[in-house]
Amino acid sequence: MSALPESRSAHLIQMTDLTRVYDLGPQKIYALNGVNLTIEQGEYVAIMGPSGSGKSTLMNIIGCLDTPTSGSYLLDGVPVETLNDDELAAIRNKKIGFVFQTFNLLARTTALQNVELPLVYAKIPRAERRRLAEEALVAVGLHDRMSHQPNELSGGQRQRVAIARALVNKPSLLLADEPTGNLDSQTGREILDLFHELHARGNSIIMVTHEDDVAREAARIIHIRDGKVSV
């Protein structure tokens, strides 16, 4: 695997004339159609859009789970559209922490082992993995739940484990997809408060949501409709 280019941009994300086209037989579907978007280091941004707006496609490209058909996407100075599959996997592990609505925790492993997982992929030595994972769990308020498995944790605690796992590699970006979608209102409020704390510590956060009240927690809301964004 070739080494990733080093960061060389003050912007966290810079998209220029970006498109994502899907070929459905003779028909071309423009999921994204000329997106221009800049997000700075340390921003807390919400992305909103109705079903079919291109919101999920935009999130997948931001997260390096998909690549654009045309146009430019710089993530932390790295031109994503030029990367091969191995390089995309490396940039996801190094620069992006994912938080999903469904938590995506491994069932029969402890909170600590779940948080260590990205460090295993990054080939971090065992003792260092343990230290970093413990630090991440302390940062999300779970110092007393490290040895618990997911079925021994509440929904909010499981989401905190997922957030700790997302943060353990100290990524450039925390990318959250409907992070309060499976939580009751009080627990959702606790997770949003945690996001505010993380943002105050300097973390860059992009949150994808369809809920107006959740989006208003962010410092900036980006609306997407018909494959185009308005900031």
C-alpha atoms as a PDB file:
ATOM      1  CA  MET A   1       0.000   0.000   0.000  1.00  0.00           C
ATOM      2  CA  SER A   2       1.382   3.397  -0.929  1.00  0.00           C
ATOM      3  CA  ALA A   3       1.661   6.032   1.770  1.00  0.00           C
ATOM      4  CA  LEU A   4      -1.102   8.599   1.996  1.00  0.00           C
ATOM      5  CA  PRO A   5      -0.199  12.156   1.039  1.00  0.00           C
ATOM      6  CA  GLU A   6       0.401  14.439   3.978  1.00  0.00           C
ATOM      7  CA  SER A   7      -2.156  17.121   4.846  1.00  0.00           C
ATOM      8  CA  ARG A   8      -1.524  20.362   3.051  1.00  0.00           C
ATOM      9  CA  SER A   9      -4.742  22.334   3.436  1.00  0.00           C
ATOM     10  CA  ALA A  10      -6.230  24.619   6.046  1.00  0.00           C
ATOM     11  CA  HIS A  11      -9.668  23.276   5.083  1.00  0.00           C
ATOM     12  CA  LEU A  12     -10.921  19.996   6.483  1.00  0.00           C
ATOM     13  CA  ILE A  13     -13.162  19.384   3.466  1.00  0.00           C
ATOM     14  CA  GLN A  14     -13.147  21.083   0.094  1.00  0.00           C
ATOM     15  CA  MET A  15     -15.442  19.825  -2.670  1.00  0.00           C
ATOM     16  CA  THR A  16     -15.459  21.438  -6.112  1.00  0.00           C
ATOM     17  CA  ASP A  17     -17.987  20.669  -8.891  1.00  0.00           C
ATOM     18  CA  LEU A  18     -18.449  17.213  -7.405  1.00  0.00           C
ATOM     19  CA  THR A  19     -20.855  14.737  -9.007  1.00  0.00           C
ATOM     20  CA  ARG A  20     -21.892  11.166  -8.303  1.00  0.00           C
ATOM     21  CA  VAL A  21     -23.707   9.484 -11.163  1.00  0.00           C
ATOM     22  CA  TYR A  22     -25.307   6.036 -11.095  1.00  0.00           C
ATOM     23  CA  ASP A  23     -25.966   4.194 -14.361  1.00  0.00           C
ATOM     24  CA  LEU A  24     -29.331   2.429 -14.304  1.00  0.00           C
ATOM     25  CA  GLY A  25     -29.427   0.806 -17.716  1.00  0.00           C
ATOM     26  CA  PRO A  26     -29.725   3.588 -20.271  1.00  0.00           C
ATOM     27  CA  GLN A  27     -30.633   6.115 -17.571  1.00  0.00           C
ATOM     28  CA  LYS A  28     -28.136   8.195 -15.588  1.00  0.00           C
ATOM     29  CA  ILE A  29     -29.124   9.257 -12.080  1.00  0.00           C
ATOM     30  CA  TYR A  30     -27.283  12.262 -10.662  1.00  0.00           C
ATOM     31  CA  ALA A  31     -27.276  11.620  -6.907  1.00  0.00           C
ATOM     32  CA  LEU A  32     -24.914  14.600  -6.539  1.00  0.00           C
ATOM     33  CA  ASN A  33     -24.835  17.246  -9.227  1.00  0.00           C
ATOM     34  CA  GLY A  34     -22.175  19.941  -8.973  1.00  0.00           C
ATOM     35  CA  VAL A  35     -21.568  20.117  -5.219  1.00  0.00           C
ATOM     36  CA  ASN A  36     -19.322  22.918  -3.975  1.00  0.00           C
ATOM     37  CA  LEU A  37     -18.686  22.724  -0.240  1.00  0.00           C
ATOM     38  CA  THR A  38     -16.023  23.839   2.203  1.00  0.00           C
ATOM     39  CA  ILE A  39     -15.868  22.813   5.868  1.00  0.00           C
ATOM     40  CA  GLU A  40     -13.117  24.146   8.103  1.00  0.00           C
ATOM     41  CA  GLN A  41     -11.070  22.350  10.729  1.00  0.00           C
ATOM     42  CA  GLY A  42     -12.903  22.355  14.075  1.00  0.00           C
ATOM     43  CA  GLU A  43     -16.378  23.039  12.663  1.00  0.00           C
ATOM     44  CA  TYR A  44     -19.563  21.381  13.931  1.00  0.00           C
ATOM     45  CA  VAL A  45     -21.861  20.965  10.930  1.00  0.00           C
ATOM     46  CA  ALA A  46     -25.205  19.251  10.380  1.00  0.00           C
ATOM     47  CA  ILE A  47     -26.275  17.947   6.960  1.00  0.00           C
ATOM     48  CA  MET A  48     -30.013  17.775   6.330  1.00  0.00           C
ATOM     49  CA  GLY A  49     -32.088  16.714   3.357  1.00  0.00           C
ATOM     50  CA  PRO A  50     -35.248  14.822   2.443  1.00  0.00           C
ATOM     51  CA  SER A  51     -35.234  11.238   1.220  1.00  0.00           C
ATOM     52  CA  GLY A  52     -33.659  11.051  -2.224  1.00  0.00           C
ATOM     53  CA  SER A  53     -31.895  14.396  -1.852  1.00  0.00           C
ATOM     54  CA  GLY A  54     -28.377  12.960  -2.122  1.00  0.00           C
ATOM     55  CA  LYS A  55     -27.709  13.231   1.618  1.00  0.00           C
ATOM     56  CA  SER A  56     -26.615   9.606   2.039  1.00  0.00           C
ATOM     57  CA  THR A  57     -24.446   9.749  -1.085  1.00  0.00           C
ATOM     58  CA  LEU A  58     -22.775  12.913   0.190  1.00  0.00           C
ATOM     59  CA  MET A  59     -22.152  11.274   3.575  1.00  0.00           C
ATOM     60  CA  ASN A  60     -20.648   8.194   1.905  1.00  0.00           C
ATOM     61  CA  ILE A  61     -18.277  10.321  -0.158  1.00  0.00           C
ATOM     62  CA  ILE A  62     -17.302  12.463   2.843  1.00  0.00           C
ATOM     63  CA  GLY A  63     -16.565   9.218   4.712  1.00  0.00           C
ATOM     64  CA  CYS A  64     -14.530   7.750   1.813  1.00  0.00           C
ATOM     65  CA  LEU A  65     -16.999   4.874   1.517  1.00  0.00           C
ATOM     66  CA  ASP A  66     -17.644   5.975  -2.072  1.00  0.00           C
ATOM     67  CA  THR A  67     -15.809   8.125  -4.605  1.00  0.00           C
ATOM     68  CA  PRO A  68     -17.113  10.902  -6.871  1.00  0.00           C
ATOM     69  CA  THR A  69     -17.779  10.375 -10.562  1.00  0.00           C
ATOM     70  CA  SER A  70     -16.220  13.740 -11.364  1.00  0.00           C
ATOM     71  CA  GLY A  71     -15.003  16.849  -9.586  1.00  0.00           C
ATOM     72  CA  SER A  72     -12.596  17.228  -6.683  1.00  0.00           C
ATOM     73  CA  TYR A  73     -12.759  16.199  -3.021  1.00  0.00           C
ATOM     74  CA  LEU A  74      -9.917  17.170  -0.710  1.00  0.00           C
ATOM     75  CA  LEU A  75     -10.094  15.672   2.778  1.00  0.00           C
ATOM     76  CA  ASP A  76      -7.515  17.257   5.049  1.00  0.00           C
ATOM     77  CA  GLY A  77      -5.566  18.135   1.907  1.00  0.00           C
ATOM     78  CA  VAL A  78      -5.708  14.611   0.404  1.00  0.00           C
ATOM     79  CA  PRO A  79      -7.357  14.285  -3.064  1.00  0.00           C
ATOM     80  CA  VAL A  80      -9.769  11.444  -2.335  1.00  0.00           C
ATOM     81  CA  GLU A  81     -10.793  10.870  -5.956  1.00  0.00           C
ATOM     82  CA  THR A  82      -7.236   9.727  -6.791  1.00  0.00           C
ATOM     83  CA  LEU A  83      -7.051   6.999  -4.114  1.00  0.00           C
ATOM     84  CA  ASN A  84      -7.299   3.256  -4.686  1.00  0.00           C
ATOM     85  CA  ASP A  85      -9.304   0.925  -2.432  1.00  0.00           C
ATOM     86  CA  ASP A  86      -6.413   0.237  -0.046  1.00  0.00           C
ATOM     87  CA  GLU A  87      -5.669   3.944   0.291  1.00  0.00           C
ATOM     88  CA  LEU A  88      -9.343   4.707   0.892  1.00  0.00           C
ATOM     89  CA  ALA A  89      -9.408   2.098   3.683  1.00  0.00           C
ATOM     90  CA  ALA A  90      -6.270   3.651   5.189  1.00  0.00           C
ATOM     91  CA  ILE A  91      -7.676   7.177   5.110  1.00  0.00           C
ATOM     92  CA  ARG A  92     -10.936   5.995   6.685  1.00  0.00           C
ATOM     93  CA  ASN A  93      -9.051   4.394   9.557  1.00  0.00           C
ATOM     94  CA  LYS A  94      -6.639   7.294  10.038  1.00  0.00           C
ATOM     95  CA  LYS A  95      -8.737  10.399   9.428  1.00  0.00           C
ATOM     96  CA  ILE A  96     -12.423   9.534  10.010  1.00  0.00           C
ATOM     97  CA  GLY A  97     -14.258   8.292  13.073  1.00  0.00           C
ATOM     98  CA  PHE A  98     -17.723   6.878  12.303  1.00  0.00           C
ATOM     99  CA  VAL A  99     -20.735   6.944  14.646  1.00  0.00           C
ATOM    100  CA  PHE A 100     -23.807   5.042  13.433  1.00  0.00           C
ATOM    101  CA  GLN A 101     -27.455   5.054  14.508  1.00  0.00           C
ATOM    102  CA  THR A 102     -27.258   1.320  15.241  1.00  0.00           C
ATOM    103  CA  PHE A 103     -23.974   1.547  17.249  1.00  0.00           C
ATOM    104  CA  ASN A 104     -22.333  -1.343  15.283  1.00  0.00           C
ATOM    105  CA  LEU A 105     -20.599  -2.822  18.328  1.00  0.00           C
ATOM    106  CA  LEU A 106     -19.283  -6.387  18.472  1.00  0.00           C
ATOM    107  CA  ALA A 107     -21.668  -8.286  20.748  1.00  0.00           C
ATOM    108  CA  ARG A 108     -19.399 -10.653  22.683  1.00  0.00           C
ATOM    109  CA  THR A 109     -16.529  -8.278  23.389  1.00  0.00           C
ATOM    110  CA  THR A 110     -16.087  -5.697  26.114  1.00  0.00           C
ATOM    111  CA  ALA A 111     -16.416  -1.946  25.694  1.00  0.00           C
ATOM    112  CA  LEU A 112     -12.634  -1.695  25.900  1.00  0.00           C
ATOM    113  CA  GLN A 113     -12.109  -4.314  23.174  1.00  0.00           C
ATOM    114  CA  ASN A 114     -14.657  -2.591  20.918  1.00  0.00           C
ATOM    115  CA  VAL A 115     -12.824   0.703  21.271  1.00  0.00           C
ATOM    116  CA  GLU A 116      -9.463  -0.967  20.611  1.00  0.00           C
ATOM    117  CA  LEU A 117     -10.604  -2.341  17.240  1.00  0.00           C
ATOM    118  CA  PRO A 118      -9.471   0.570  14.995  1.00  0.00           C
ATOM    119  CA  LEU A 119      -6.081   0.435  16.728  1.00  0.00           C
ATOM    120  CA  VAL A 120      -5.782  -3.265  15.891  1.00  0.00           C
ATOM    121  CA  TYR A 121      -6.316  -2.395  12.214  1.00  0.00           C
ATOM    122  CA  ALA A 122      -3.715   0.357  12.574  1.00  0.00           C
ATOM    123  CA  LYS A 123      -1.256  -2.214  14.018  1.00  0.00           C
ATOM    124  CA  ILE A 124      -0.756  -0.286  17.268  1.00  0.00           C
ATOM    125  CA  PRO A 125       1.077  -2.374  19.925  1.00  0.00           C
ATOM    126  CA  ARG A 126      -1.123  -3.994  22.582  1.00  0.00           C
ATOM    127  CA  ALA A 127      -0.074  -1.856  25.561  1.00  0.00           C
ATOM    128  CA  GLU A 128      -0.513   1.357  23.583  1.00  0.00           C
ATOM    129  CA  ARG A 129      -3.911   0.157  22.335  1.00  0.00           C
ATOM    130  CA  ARG A 130      -5.068  -0.446  25.865  1.00  0.00           C
ATOM    131  CA  ARG A 131      -3.910   2.989  27.050  1.00  0.00           C
ATOM    132  CA  LEU A 132      -5.534   4.857  24.150  1.00  0.00           C
ATOM    133  CA  ALA A 133      -8.808   2.916  24.443  1.00  0.00           C
ATOM    134  CA  GLU A 134      -9.005   3.586  28.174  1.00  0.00           C
ATOM    135  CA  GLU A 135      -8.376   7.295  27.555  1.00  0.00           C
ATOM    136  CA  ALA A 136     -11.165   7.400  24.965  1.00  0.00           C
ATOM    137  CA  LEU A 137     -13.651   5.701  27.295  1.00  0.00           C
ATOM    138  CA  VAL A 138     -12.766   8.076  30.114  1.00  0.00           C
ATOM    139  CA  ALA A 139     -13.320  11.005  27.703  1.00  0.00           C
ATOM    140  CA  VAL A 140     -16.918   9.884  27.070  1.00  0.00           C
ATOM    141  CA  GLY A 141     -17.660   9.213  30.751  1.00  0.00           C
ATOM    142  CA  LEU A 142     -17.431   5.397  30.749  1.00  0.00           C
ATOM    143  CA  HIS A 143     -14.413   4.815  33.000  1.00  0.00           C
ATOM    144  CA  ASP A 144     -16.505   2.392  35.096  1.00  0.00           C
ATOM    145  CA  ARG A 145     -17.946   0.390  32.169  1.00  0.00           C
ATOM    146  CA  MET A 146     -14.803  -0.729  30.342  1.00  0.00           C
ATOM    147  CA  SER A 147     -15.247  -4.446  31.053  1.00  0.00           C
ATOM    148  CA  HIS A 148     -18.976  -4.517  30.229  1.00  0.00           C
ATOM    149  CA  GLN A 149     -20.281  -6.114  27.040  1.00  0.00           C
ATOM    150  CA  PRO A 150     -22.864  -4.245  24.900  1.00  0.00           C
ATOM    151  CA  ASN A 151     -25.821  -6.243  26.269  1.00  0.00           C
ATOM    152  CA  GLU A 152     -24.841  -5.023  29.750  1.00  0.00           C
ATOM    153  CA  LEU A 153     -25.003  -1.366  28.681  1.00  0.00           C
ATOM    154  CA  SER A 154     -27.884   1.029  28.063  1.00  0.00           C
ATOM    155  CA  GLY A 155     -28.482   2.470  24.597  1.00  0.00           C
ATOM    156  CA  GLY A 156     -26.811   5.712  25.564  1.00  0.00           C
ATOM    157  CA  GLN A 157     -23.807   3.894  26.992  1.00  0.00           C
ATOM    158  CA  ARG A 158     -23.490   1.817  23.820  1.00  0.00           C
ATOM    159  CA  GLN A 159     -23.500   4.991  21.744  1.00  0.00           C
ATOM    160  CA  ARG A 160     -20.809   6.438  24.015  1.00  0.00           C
ATOM    161  CA  VAL A 161     -18.698   3.319  23.385  1.00  0.00           C
ATOM    162  CA  ALA A 162     -19.227   3.853  19.650  1.00  0.00           C
ATOM    163  CA  ILE A 163     -18.136   7.497  20.009  1.00  0.00           C
ATOM    164  CA  ALA A 164     -15.044   6.454  21.989  1.00  0.00           C
ATOM    165  CA  ARG A 165     -14.203   3.943  19.239  1.00  0.00           C
ATOM    166  CA  ALA A 166     -14.631   6.697  16.633  1.00  0.00           C
ATOM    167  CA  LEU A 167     -12.292   9.018  18.541  1.00  0.00           C
ATOM    168  CA  VAL A 168      -9.591   6.555  19.586  1.00  0.00           C
ATOM    169  CA  ASN A 169      -7.421   7.118  16.496  1.00  0.00           C
ATOM    170  CA  LYS A 170      -7.648  10.892  17.020  1.00  0.00           C
ATOM    171  CA  PRO A 171      -9.163  11.346  13.555  1.00  0.00           C
ATOM    172  CA  SER A 172      -9.492  14.624  11.682  1.00  0.00           C
ATOM    173  CA  LEU A 173     -13.268  14.164  11.488  1.00  0.00           C
ATOM    174  CA  LEU A 174     -16.068  12.624  13.545  1.00  0.00           C
ATOM    175  CA  LEU A 175     -18.826  11.625  11.085  1.00  0.00           C
ATOM    176  CA  ALA A 176     -22.124  10.797  12.780  1.00  0.00           C
ATOM    177  CA  ASP A 177     -25.123   9.308  10.942  1.00  0.00           C
ATOM    178  CA  GLU A 178     -28.386   9.901  12.859  1.00  0.00           C
ATOM    179  CA  PRO A 179     -26.505   9.414  16.167  1.00  0.00           C
ATOM    180  CA  THR A 180     -29.602   9.877  18.349  1.00  0.00           C
ATOM    181  CA  GLY A 181     -32.010   7.979  16.082  1.00  0.00           C
ATOM    182  CA  ASN A 182     -32.277   4.868  18.302  1.00  0.00           C
ATOM    183  CA  LEU A 183     -32.259   6.720  21.620  1.00  0.00           C
ATOM    184  CA  ASP A 184     -35.007   8.150  23.820  1.00  0.00           C
ATOM    185  CA  SER A 185     -35.137  11.933  24.108  1.00  0.00           C
ATOM    186  CA  GLN A 186     -33.258  12.182  27.424  1.00  0.00           C
ATOM    187  CA  THR A 187     -30.464   9.856  26.287  1.00  0.00           C
ATOM    188  CA  GLY A 188     -30.306  11.640  22.938  1.00  0.00           C
ATOM    189  CA  ARG A 189     -29.867  14.895  24.823  1.00  0.00           C
ATOM    190  CA  GLU A 190     -26.905  13.402  26.708  1.00  0.00           C
ATOM    191  CA  ILE A 191     -25.238  12.336  23.445  1.00  0.00           C
ATOM    192  CA  LEU A 192     -25.750  15.794  21.921  1.00  0.00           C
ATOM    193  CA  ASP A 193     -24.270  17.355  25.069  1.00  0.00           C
ATOM    194  CA  LEU A 194     -21.278  15.064  24.635  1.00  0.00           C
ATOM    195  CA  PHE A 195     -20.893  16.249  21.028  1.00  0.00           C
ATOM    196  CA  HIS A 196     -20.816  19.834  22.300  1.00  0.00           C
ATOM    197  CA  GLU A 197     -18.063  18.872  24.748  1.00  0.00           C
ATOM    198  CA  LEU A 198     -16.068  17.172  22.001  1.00  0.00           C
ATOM    199  CA  HIS A 199     -16.493  20.173  19.713  1.00  0.00           C
ATOM    200  CA  ALA A 200     -15.318  22.478  22.504  1.00  0.00           C
ATOM    201  CA  ARG A 201     -12.171  20.318  22.777  1.00  0.00           C
ATOM    202  CA  GLY A 202     -11.450  20.963  19.088  1.00  0.00           C
ATOM    203  CA  ASN A 203     -13.020  17.957  17.356  1.00  0.00           C
ATOM    204  CA  SER A 204     -14.462  18.478  13.872  1.00  0.00           C
ATOM    205  CA  ILE A 205     -17.974  16.988  13.690  1.00  0.00           C
ATOM    206  CA  ILE A 206     -20.305  16.381  10.755  1.00  0.00           C
ATOM    207  CA  MET A 207     -23.705  15.051  11.784  1.00  0.00           C
ATOM    208  CA  VAL A 208     -26.223  13.735   9.245  1.00  0.00           C
ATOM    209  CA  THR A 209     -29.799  14.002  10.502  1.00  0.00           C
ATOM    210  CA  HIS A 210     -33.371  14.495   9.317  1.00  0.00           C
ATOM    211  CA  GLU A 211     -34.464  16.055  12.625  1.00  0.00           C
ATOM    212  CA  ASP A 212     -34.610  19.869  12.765  1.00  0.00           C
ATOM    213  CA  ASP A 213     -34.050  20.081  16.522  1.00  0.00           C
ATOM    214  CA  VAL A 214     -30.981  17.829  16.320  1.00  0.00           C
ATOM    215  CA  ALA A 215     -29.543  19.773  13.374  1.00  0.00           C
ATOM    216  CA  ARG A 216     -29.905  23.048  15.318  1.00  0.00           C
ATOM    217  CA  GLU A 217     -27.378  21.722  17.835  1.00  0.00           C
ATOM    218  CA  ALA A 218     -24.655  22.234  15.199  1.00  0.00           C
ATOM    219  CA  ALA A 219     -23.002  25.577  14.530  1.00  0.00           C
ATOM    220  CA  ARG A 220     -23.925  25.393  10.826  1.00  0.00           C
ATOM    221  CA  ILE A 221     -26.600  23.532   8.874  1.00  0.00           C
ATOM    222  CA  ILE A 222     -26.035  22.440   5.275  1.00  0.00           C
ATOM    223  CA  HIS A 223     -29.200  21.618   3.331  1.00  0.00           C
ATOM    224  CA  ILE A 224     -29.080  19.283   0.365  1.00  0.00           C
ATOM    225  CA  ARG A 225     -31.825  18.900  -2.213  1.00  0.00           C
ATOM    226  CA  ASP A 226     -31.807  17.396  -5.706  1.00  0.00           C
ATOM    227  CA  GLY A 227     -28.087  16.653  -5.445  1.00  0.00           C
ATOM    228  CA  LYS A 228     -27.051  20.234  -4.676  1.00  0.00           C
ATOM    229  CA  VAL A 229     -26.146  21.892  -1.393  1.00  0.00           C
ATOM    230  CA  SER A 230     -27.077  25.253   0.076  1.00  0.00           C
ATOM    231  CA  VAL A 231     -25.111  26.455   3.102  1.00  0.00           C
END
